[in-house]
Amino acid sequence: MATDDIFVQVDGRPVAVAQGASVIAALVLADSLCTRRSVGGEARFAFCGMGYCQECRVSIDGRPHRLACQTACRAGMVIATGAGSQA
């Protein structure tokens, strides 16, 4: 952990990330490679990295449908993915 790291929560687990890192980077560090589930129940994850595909949608601080690839982490941020939910 570097001195400029902050902590966020990913699906209830604390994760140290660099200040200014994207939420998608925090998910990768947390080994949480599922942002949501398709209507058929398949795991989905970020695809384009630009916010266009919408595959990176997660809940951040209780707000659904936030784009993980376009959102910078803040200390104490709570990120909920679709990893545990089923369609």
C-alpha atoms as a PDB file:
ATOM      1  CA  MET A   1       0.000   0.000   0.000  1.00  0.00           C
ATOM      2  CA  ALA A   2       1.421   3.375  -1.035  1.00  0.00           C
ATOM      3  CA  THR A   3       1.084   6.473   1.118  1.00  0.00           C
ATOM      4  CA  ASP A   4      -1.387   8.038  -1.331  1.00  0.00           C
ATOM      5  CA  ASP A   5      -3.691   4.991  -1.344  1.00  0.00           C
ATOM      6  CA  ILE A   6      -7.281   5.269  -0.172  1.00  0.00           C
ATOM      7  CA  PHE A   7      -9.749   2.584   0.851  1.00  0.00           C
ATOM      8  CA  VAL A   8     -13.048   1.770  -0.829  1.00  0.00           C
ATOM      9  CA  GLN A   9     -15.447  -1.092  -0.228  1.00  0.00           C
ATOM     10  CA  VAL A  10     -16.214  -3.542  -3.028  1.00  0.00           C
ATOM     11  CA  ASP A  11     -19.126  -5.826  -2.184  1.00  0.00           C
ATOM     12  CA  GLY A  12     -18.368  -5.341   1.505  1.00  0.00           C
ATOM     13  CA  ARG A  13     -14.600  -5.924   1.277  1.00  0.00           C
ATOM     14  CA  PRO A  14     -12.057  -3.139   1.872  1.00  0.00           C
ATOM     15  CA  VAL A  15      -9.759  -2.489  -1.093  1.00  0.00           C
ATOM     16  CA  ALA A  16      -6.743  -0.153  -1.186  1.00  0.00           C
ATOM     17  CA  VAL A  17      -6.500   1.833  -4.426  1.00  0.00           C
ATOM     18  CA  ALA A  18      -4.390   4.744  -5.617  1.00  0.00           C
ATOM     19  CA  GLN A  19      -5.956   8.158  -5.159  1.00  0.00           C
ATOM     20  CA  GLY A  20      -7.718   9.004  -8.450  1.00  0.00           C
ATOM     21  CA  ALA A  21      -8.005   5.404  -9.676  1.00  0.00           C
ATOM     22  CA  SER A  22     -11.186   4.451 -11.493  1.00  0.00           C
ATOM     23  CA  VAL A  23     -13.827   2.287  -9.872  1.00  0.00           C
ATOM     24  CA  ILE A  24     -13.128  -0.360 -12.539  1.00  0.00           C
ATOM     25  CA  ALA A  25      -9.487  -0.438 -11.325  1.00  0.00           C
ATOM     26  CA  ALA A  26     -10.754  -1.051  -7.781  1.00  0.00           C
ATOM     27  CA  LEU A  27     -12.893  -3.934  -9.041  1.00  0.00           C
ATOM     28  CA  VAL A  28      -9.891  -5.509 -10.758  1.00  0.00           C
ATOM     29  CA  LEU A  29      -7.787  -5.129  -7.593  1.00  0.00           C
ATOM     30  CA  ALA A  30     -10.625  -6.761  -5.631  1.00  0.00           C
ATOM     31  CA  ASP A  31     -10.718  -9.633  -8.158  1.00  0.00           C
ATOM     32  CA  SER A  32     -14.371  -8.776  -8.733  1.00  0.00           C
ATOM     33  CA  LEU A  33     -14.706  -9.207 -12.492  1.00  0.00           C
ATOM     34  CA  CYS A  34     -18.489  -9.013 -12.653  1.00  0.00           C
ATOM     35  CA  THR A  35     -20.150  -5.614 -12.670  1.00  0.00           C
ATOM     36  CA  ARG A  36     -23.673  -6.817 -13.302  1.00  0.00           C
ATOM     37  CA  ARG A  37     -25.755  -9.708 -14.654  1.00  0.00           C
ATOM     38  CA  SER A  38     -27.520  -9.839 -17.998  1.00  0.00           C
ATOM     39  CA  VAL A  39     -31.247 -10.614 -18.164  1.00  0.00           C
ATOM     40  CA  GLY A  40     -30.200 -14.228 -18.796  1.00  0.00           C
ATOM     41  CA  GLY A  41     -28.018 -14.278 -15.654  1.00  0.00           C
ATOM     42  CA  GLU A  42     -24.629 -14.147 -17.381  1.00  0.00           C
ATOM     43  CA  ALA A  43     -21.844 -12.229 -15.670  1.00  0.00           C
ATOM     44  CA  ARG A  44     -20.964  -8.937 -17.401  1.00  0.00           C
ATOM     45  CA  PHE A  45     -17.883  -6.699 -17.061  1.00  0.00           C
ATOM     46  CA  ALA A  46     -16.472  -3.501 -18.539  1.00  0.00           C
ATOM     47  CA  PHE A  47     -15.908  -3.728 -22.280  1.00  0.00           C
ATOM     48  CA  CYS A  48     -15.150  -0.362 -23.880  1.00  0.00           C
ATOM     49  CA  GLY A  49     -13.635   1.640 -21.015  1.00  0.00           C
ATOM     50  CA  MET A  50     -15.304   4.831 -22.324  1.00  0.00           C
ATOM     51  CA  GLY A  51     -18.811   4.575 -20.856  1.00  0.00           C
ATOM     52  CA  TYR A  52     -20.438   3.835 -24.198  1.00  0.00           C
ATOM     53  CA  CYS A  53     -21.218   0.135 -23.759  1.00  0.00           C
ATOM     54  CA  GLN A  54     -22.772   0.543 -20.255  1.00  0.00           C
ATOM     55  CA  GLU A  55     -21.455  -2.895 -19.221  1.00  0.00           C
ATOM     56  CA  CYS A  56     -19.615  -1.433 -16.222  1.00  0.00           C
ATOM     57  CA  ARG A  57     -22.724  -0.264 -14.347  1.00  0.00           C
ATOM     58  CA  VAL A  58     -22.499  -0.682 -10.569  1.00  0.00           C
ATOM     59  CA  SER A  59     -24.099   0.907  -7.521  1.00  0.00           C
ATOM     60  CA  ILE A  60     -21.917   3.523  -5.842  1.00  0.00           C
ATOM     61  CA  ASP A  61     -22.872   4.806  -2.411  1.00  0.00           C
ATOM     62  CA  GLY A  62     -26.379   3.437  -2.945  1.00  0.00           C
ATOM     63  CA  ARG A  63     -26.870   5.072  -6.352  1.00  0.00           C
ATOM     64  CA  PRO A  64     -27.514   2.461  -9.077  1.00  0.00           C
ATOM     65  CA  HIS A  65     -26.314   2.482 -12.692  1.00  0.00           C
ATOM     66  CA  ARG A  66     -23.072   4.407 -12.132  1.00  0.00           C
ATOM     67  CA  LEU A  67     -20.384   3.844 -14.781  1.00  0.00           C
ATOM     68  CA  ALA A  68     -17.365   2.263 -13.084  1.00  0.00           C
ATOM     69  CA  CYS A  69     -15.020   3.096 -15.950  1.00  0.00           C
ATOM     70  CA  GLN A  70     -15.871   6.806 -15.771  1.00  0.00           C
ATOM     71  CA  THR A  71     -15.940   7.268 -11.991  1.00  0.00           C
ATOM     72  CA  ALA A  72     -12.900   8.037  -9.813  1.00  0.00           C
ATOM     73  CA  CYS A  73     -12.642   6.375  -6.420  1.00  0.00           C
ATOM     74  CA  ARG A  74     -13.111   8.466  -3.281  1.00  0.00           C
ATOM     75  CA  ALA A  75     -12.066   7.429   0.208  1.00  0.00           C
ATOM     76  CA  GLY A  76     -14.860   5.470   1.885  1.00  0.00           C
ATOM     77  CA  MET A  77     -16.788   4.865  -1.359  1.00  0.00           C
ATOM     78  CA  VAL A  78     -19.105   1.843  -1.212  1.00  0.00           C
ATOM     79  CA  ILE A  79     -19.299  -0.105  -4.479  1.00  0.00           C
ATOM     80  CA  ALA A  80     -21.838  -2.880  -5.040  1.00  0.00           C
ATOM     81  CA  THR A  81     -21.569  -5.089  -8.117  1.00  0.00           C
ATOM     82  CA  GLY A  82     -23.957  -7.620  -9.592  1.00  0.00           C
ATOM     83  CA  ALA A  83     -21.573 -10.458  -8.778  1.00  0.00           C
ATOM     84  CA  GLY A  84     -23.882 -12.090  -6.260  1.00  0.00           C
ATOM     85  CA  SER A  85     -27.241 -11.296  -7.824  1.00  0.00           C
ATOM     86  CA  GLN A  86     -29.105 -13.439 -10.274  1.00  0.00           C
ATOM     87  CA  ALA A  87     -31.514 -12.283 -12.965  1.00  0.00           C
END
